[in-house]
Amino acid sequence: MARPSNIDKLPENVRAELHAELLRTNFTCYEWLSSWLADKGFTVSKSALQRYAVAHKK
């Protein structure tokens, strides 16, 4: 069983904001999103963001 990603561990409201930002940026700008999350106190890599985006782009 795979371990949960750092994104799965984010509070629901932050994940909702992240999804809105992914939509706004057309599922790009992972470096900026990583910095944006860091400013909020969360460490999420660009790779994790890309994997999340690929899985949730619908």
PDB file of N, CA and C in Angstrom:
ATOM      1  N   MET A   1       0.849  -1.179   0.000  1.00  0.00           N
ATOM      2  CA  MET A   1       0.000   0.000   0.000  1.00  0.00           C
ATOM      3  C   MET A   1       0.894   1.241   0.000  1.00  0.00           C
ATOM      4  N   ALA A   2       0.604   2.148  -0.883  1.00  0.00           N
ATOM      5  CA  ALA A   2       1.392   3.383  -0.988  1.00  0.00           C
ATOM      6  C   ALA A   2       1.084   4.301   0.187  1.00  0.00           C
ATOM      7  N   ARG A   3       2.099   5.030   0.592  1.00  0.00           N
ATOM      8  CA  ARG A   3       1.873   5.975   1.686  1.00  0.00           C
ATOM      9  C   ARG A   3       1.162   7.207   1.137  1.00  0.00           C
ATOM     10  N   PRO A   4       0.404   7.891   1.997  1.00  0.00           N
ATOM     11  CA  PRO A   4      -0.310   9.091   1.534  1.00  0.00           C
ATOM     12  C   PRO A   4       0.681  10.199   1.160  1.00  0.00           C
ATOM     13  N   SER A   5       0.361  10.931   0.122  1.00  0.00           N
ATOM     14  CA  SER A   5       1.230  12.034  -0.294  1.00  0.00           C
ATOM     15  C   SER A   5       1.068  13.209   0.661  1.00  0.00           C
ATOM     16  N   ASN A   6       2.003  14.135   0.585  1.00  0.00           N
ATOM     17  CA  ASN A   6       1.898  15.345   1.405  1.00  0.00           C
ATOM     18  C   ASN A   6       0.640  16.125   1.057  1.00  0.00           C
ATOM     19  N   ILE A   7       0.186  16.026  -0.164  1.00  0.00           N
ATOM     20  CA  ILE A   7      -1.035  16.729  -0.562  1.00  0.00           C
ATOM     21  C   ILE A   7      -2.247  16.091   0.113  1.00  0.00           C
ATOM     22  N   ASP A   8      -2.251  14.762   0.220  1.00  0.00           N
ATOM     23  CA  ASP A   8      -3.350  14.082   0.908  1.00  0.00           C
ATOM     24  C   ASP A   8      -3.414  14.475   2.382  1.00  0.00           C
ATOM     25  N   LYS A   9      -2.289  14.882   2.929  1.00  0.00           N
ATOM     26  CA  LYS A   9      -2.222  15.258   4.344  1.00  0.00           C
ATOM     27  C   LYS A   9      -2.612  16.716   4.589  1.00  0.00           C
ATOM     28  N   LEU A  10      -2.786  17.497   3.526  1.00  0.00           N
ATOM     29  CA  LEU A  10      -3.170  18.902   3.684  1.00  0.00           C
ATOM     30  C   LEU A  10      -4.587  18.998   4.240  1.00  0.00           C
ATOM     31  N   PRO A  11      -4.863  20.059   5.012  1.00  0.00           N
ATOM     32  CA  PRO A  11      -6.246  20.280   5.452  1.00  0.00           C
ATOM     33  C   PRO A  11      -7.161  20.431   4.235  1.00  0.00           C
ATOM     34  N   GLU A  12      -8.397  20.030   4.401  1.00  0.00           N
ATOM     35  CA  GLU A  12      -9.367  20.039   3.292  1.00  0.00           C
ATOM     36  C   GLU A  12      -9.469  21.410   2.628  1.00  0.00           C
ATOM     37  N   ASN A  13      -9.496  22.474   3.430  1.00  0.00           N
ATOM     38  CA  ASN A  13      -9.641  23.814   2.850  1.00  0.00           C
ATOM     39  C   ASN A  13      -8.420  24.197   2.012  1.00  0.00           C
ATOM     40  N   VAL A  14      -7.240  23.779   2.425  1.00  0.00           N
ATOM     41  CA  VAL A  14      -6.023  24.080   1.660  1.00  0.00           C
ATOM     42  C   VAL A  14      -6.019  23.267   0.365  1.00  0.00           C
ATOM     43  N   ARG A  15      -6.453  22.009   0.447  1.00  0.00           N
ATOM     44  CA  ARG A  15      -6.554  21.193  -0.766  1.00  0.00           C
ATOM     45  C   ARG A  15      -7.545  21.791  -1.750  1.00  0.00           C
ATOM     46  N   ALA A  16      -8.643  22.333  -1.240  1.00  0.00           N
ATOM     47  CA  ALA A  16      -9.632  22.981  -2.114  1.00  0.00           C
ATOM     48  C   ALA A  16      -9.025  24.219  -2.775  1.00  0.00           C
ATOM     49  N   GLU A  17      -8.264  25.003  -2.010  1.00  0.00           N
ATOM     50  CA  GLU A  17      -7.577  26.174  -2.583  1.00  0.00           C
ATOM     51  C   GLU A  17      -6.572  25.732  -3.635  1.00  0.00           C
ATOM     52  N   LEU A  18      -5.837  24.661  -3.338  1.00  0.00           N
ATOM     53  CA  LEU A  18      -4.853  24.141  -4.283  1.00  0.00           C
ATOM     54  C   LEU A  18      -5.535  23.723  -5.584  1.00  0.00           C
ATOM     55  N   HIS A  19      -6.640  23.020  -5.473  1.00  0.00           N
ATOM     56  CA  HIS A  19      -7.345  22.587  -6.683  1.00  0.00           C
ATOM     57  C   HIS A  19      -7.819  23.799  -7.490  1.00  0.00           C
ATOM     58  N   ALA A  20      -8.303  24.825  -6.802  1.00  0.00           N
ATOM     59  CA  ALA A  20      -8.734  26.048  -7.492  1.00  0.00           C
ATOM     60  C   ALA A  20      -7.552  26.706  -8.201  1.00  0.00           C
ATOM     61  N   GLU A  21      -6.396  26.726  -7.548  1.00  0.00           N
ATOM     62  CA  GLU A  21      -5.199  27.310  -8.169  1.00  0.00           C
ATOM     63  C   GLU A  21      -4.737  26.465  -9.356  1.00  0.00           C
ATOM     64  N   LEU A  22      -4.834  25.149  -9.246  1.00  0.00           N
ATOM     65  CA  LEU A  22      -4.480  24.292 -10.381  1.00  0.00           C
ATOM     66  C   LEU A  22      -5.376  24.586 -11.573  1.00  0.00           C
ATOM     67  N   LEU A  23      -6.661  24.757 -11.327  1.00  0.00           N
ATOM     68  CA  LEU A  23      -7.582  25.105 -12.413  1.00  0.00           C
ATOM     69  C   LEU A  23      -7.241  26.472 -12.996  1.00  0.00           C
ATOM     70  N   ARG A  24      -6.954  27.427 -12.117  1.00  0.00           N
ATOM     71  CA  ARG A  24      -6.649  28.792 -12.557  1.00  0.00           C
ATOM     72  C   ARG A  24      -5.383  28.828 -13.412  1.00  0.00           C
ATOM     73  N   THR A  25      -4.396  28.008 -13.053  1.00  0.00           N
ATOM     74  CA  THR A  25      -3.123  27.995 -13.776  1.00  0.00           C
ATOM     75  C   THR A  25      -3.087  26.926 -14.868  1.00  0.00           C
ATOM     76  N   ASN A  26      -4.260  26.347 -15.166  1.00  0.00           N
ATOM     77  CA  ASN A  26      -4.367  25.309 -16.197  1.00  0.00           C
ATOM     78  C   ASN A  26      -3.430  24.128 -15.913  1.00  0.00           C
ATOM     79  N   PHE A  27      -3.365  23.724 -14.656  1.00  0.00           N
ATOM     80  CA  PHE A  27      -2.571  22.582 -14.210  1.00  0.00           C
ATOM     81  C   PHE A  27      -1.095  22.730 -14.588  1.00  0.00           C
ATOM     82  N   THR A  28      -0.572  23.933 -14.377  1.00  0.00           N
ATOM     83  CA  THR A  28       0.851  24.216 -14.593  1.00  0.00           C
ATOM     84  C   THR A  28       1.373  24.998 -13.388  1.00  0.00           C
ATOM     85  N   CYS A  29       2.559  25.562 -13.496  1.00  0.00           N
ATOM     86  CA  CYS A  29       3.153  26.439 -12.470  1.00  0.00           C
ATOM     87  C   CYS A  29       3.428  25.701 -11.162  1.00  0.00           C
ATOM     88  N   TYR A  30       3.957  24.483 -11.242  1.00  0.00           N
ATOM     89  CA  TYR A  30       4.184  23.677 -10.046  1.00  0.00           C
ATOM     90  C   TYR A  30       5.200  24.313  -9.099  1.00  0.00           C
ATOM     91  N   GLU A  31       6.201  24.975  -9.647  1.00  0.00           N
ATOM     92  CA  GLU A  31       7.189  25.636  -8.791  1.00  0.00           C
ATOM     93  C   GLU A  31       6.521  26.752  -7.994  1.00  0.00           C
ATOM     94  N   TRP A  32       5.697  27.537  -8.665  1.00  0.00           N
ATOM     95  CA  TRP A  32       4.979  28.611  -7.973  1.00  0.00           C
ATOM     96  C   TRP A  32       4.029  28.035  -6.923  1.00  0.00           C
ATOM     97  N   LEU A  33       3.306  26.964  -7.262  1.00  0.00           N
ATOM     98  CA  LEU A  33       2.380  26.344  -6.315  1.00  0.00           C
ATOM     99  C   LEU A  33       3.120  25.786  -5.106  1.00  0.00           C
ATOM    100  N   SER A  34       4.295  25.225  -5.321  1.00  0.00           N
ATOM    101  CA  SER A  34       5.100  24.724  -4.213  1.00  0.00           C
ATOM    102  C   SER A  34       5.496  25.867  -3.283  1.00  0.00           C
ATOM    103  N   SER A  35       5.892  27.002  -3.852  1.00  0.00           N
ATOM    104  CA  SER A  35       6.238  28.187  -3.050  1.00  0.00           C
ATOM    105  C   SER A  35       5.009  28.745  -2.344  1.00  0.00           C
ATOM    106  N   TRP A  36       3.886  28.761  -3.035  1.00  0.00           N
ATOM    107  CA  TRP A  36       2.626  29.247  -2.465  1.00  0.00           C
ATOM    108  C   TRP A  36       2.242  28.423  -1.241  1.00  0.00           C
ATOM    109  N   LEU A  37       2.371  27.097  -1.358  1.00  0.00           N
ATOM    110  CA  LEU A  37       2.071  26.230  -0.220  1.00  0.00           C
ATOM    111  C   LEU A  37       3.088  26.420   0.901  1.00  0.00           C
ATOM    112  N   ALA A  38       4.353  26.622   0.550  1.00  0.00           N
ATOM    113  CA  ALA A  38       5.383  26.863   1.565  1.00  0.00           C
ATOM    114  C   ALA A  38       5.077  28.133   2.348  1.00  0.00           C
ATOM    115  N   ASP A  39       4.586  29.163   1.664  1.00  0.00           N
ATOM    116  CA  ASP A  39       4.195  30.401   2.346  1.00  0.00           C
ATOM    117  C   ASP A  39       3.069  30.155   3.342  1.00  0.00           C
ATOM    118  N   LYS A  40       2.273  29.133   3.095  1.00  0.00           N
ATOM    119  CA  LYS A  40       1.175  28.774   3.998  1.00  0.00           C
ATOM    120  C   LYS A  40       1.637  27.800   5.086  1.00  0.00           C
ATOM    121  N   GLY A  41       2.910  27.380   5.011  1.00  0.00           N
ATOM    122  CA  GLY A  41       3.468  26.503   6.034  1.00  0.00           C
ATOM    123  C   GLY A  41       3.465  25.023   5.692  1.00  0.00           C
ATOM    124  N   PHE A  42       3.275  24.686   4.411  1.00  0.00           N
ATOM    125  CA  PHE A  42       3.216  23.286   3.991  1.00  0.00           C
ATOM    126  C   PHE A  42       4.323  22.997   2.989  1.00  0.00           C
ATOM    127  N   THR A  43       4.996  21.869   3.164  1.00  0.00           N
ATOM    128  CA  THR A  43       6.060  21.464   2.255  1.00  0.00           C
ATOM    129  C   THR A  43       5.524  20.423   1.286  1.00  0.00           C
ATOM    130  N   VAL A  44       5.445  20.810   0.024  1.00  0.00           N
ATOM    131  CA  VAL A  44       4.989  19.902  -1.036  1.00  0.00           C
ATOM    132  C   VAL A  44       5.912  20.114  -2.230  1.00  0.00           C
ATOM    133  N   SER A  45       6.498  19.038  -2.714  1.00  0.00           N
ATOM    134  CA  SER A  45       7.439  19.149  -3.830  1.00  0.00           C
ATOM    135  C   SER A  45       6.714  19.389  -5.151  1.00  0.00           C
ATOM    136  N   LYS A  46       7.476  19.900  -6.106  1.00  0.00           N
ATOM    137  CA  LYS A  46       6.932  20.095  -7.454  1.00  0.00           C
ATOM    138  C   LYS A  46       6.503  18.758  -8.058  1.00  0.00           C
ATOM    139  N   SER A  47       7.271  17.717  -7.785  1.00  0.00           N
ATOM    140  CA  SER A  47       6.935  16.389  -8.308  1.00  0.00           C
ATOM    141  C   SER A  47       5.614  15.890  -7.744  1.00  0.00           C
ATOM    142  N   ALA A  48       5.399  16.096  -6.449  1.00  0.00           N
ATOM    143  CA  ALA A  48       4.137  15.680  -5.827  1.00  0.00           C
ATOM    144  C   ALA A  48       2.972  16.456  -6.425  1.00  0.00           C
ATOM    145  N   LEU A  49       3.185  17.737  -6.671  1.00  0.00           N
ATOM    146  CA  LEU A  49       2.136  18.555  -7.281  1.00  0.00           C
ATOM    147  C   LEU A  49       1.811  18.069  -8.688  1.00  0.00           C
ATOM    148  N   GLN A  50       2.841  17.722  -9.438  1.00  0.00           N
ATOM    149  CA  GLN A  50       2.616  17.239 -10.800  1.00  0.00           C
ATOM    150  C   GLN A  50       1.862  15.910 -10.791  1.00  0.00           C
ATOM    151  N   ARG A  51       2.254  14.995  -9.903  1.00  0.00           N
ATOM    152  CA  ARG A  51       1.548  13.711  -9.810  1.00  0.00           C
ATOM    153  C   ARG A  51       0.085  13.926  -9.429  1.00  0.00           C
ATOM    154  N   TYR A  52      -0.153  14.829  -8.472  1.00  0.00           N
ATOM    155  CA  TYR A  52      -1.517  15.142  -8.045  1.00  0.00           C
ATOM    156  C   TYR A  52      -2.314  15.731  -9.207  1.00  0.00           C
ATOM    157  N   ALA A  53      -1.696  16.652  -9.932  1.00  0.00           N
ATOM    158  CA  ALA A  53      -2.377  17.308 -11.052  1.00  0.00           C
ATOM    159  C   ALA A  53      -2.758  16.302 -12.133  1.00  0.00           C
ATOM    160  N   VAL A  54      -1.848  15.405 -12.463  1.00  0.00           N
ATOM    161  CA  VAL A  54      -2.128  14.398 -13.493  1.00  0.00           C
ATOM    162  C   VAL A  54      -3.294  13.513 -13.053  1.00  0.00           C
ATOM    163  N   ALA A  55      -3.317  13.149 -11.782  1.00  0.00           N
ATOM    164  CA  ALA A  55      -4.371  12.271 -11.275  1.00  0.00           C
ATOM    165  C   ALA A  55      -5.726  12.970 -11.190  1.00  0.00           C
ATOM    166  N   HIS A  56      -5.719  14.310 -11.047  1.00  0.00           N
ATOM    167  CA  HIS A  56      -6.970  15.036 -10.829  1.00  0.00           C
ATOM    168  C   HIS A  56      -7.405  15.908 -12.002  1.00  0.00           C
ATOM    169  N   LYS A  57      -6.664  15.888 -13.073  1.00  0.00           N
ATOM    170  CA  LYS A  57      -7.023  16.702 -14.238  1.00  0.00           C
ATOM    171  C   LYS A  57      -8.129  16.000 -15.006  1.00  0.00           C
ATOM    172  N   LYS A  58      -9.327  16.534 -14.886  1.00  0.00           N
ATOM    173  CA  LYS A  58     -10.488  15.929 -15.555  1.00  0.00           C
ATOM    174  C   LYS A  58     -11.393  17.003 -16.077  1.00  0.00           C
TER     175      LYS A  58
END
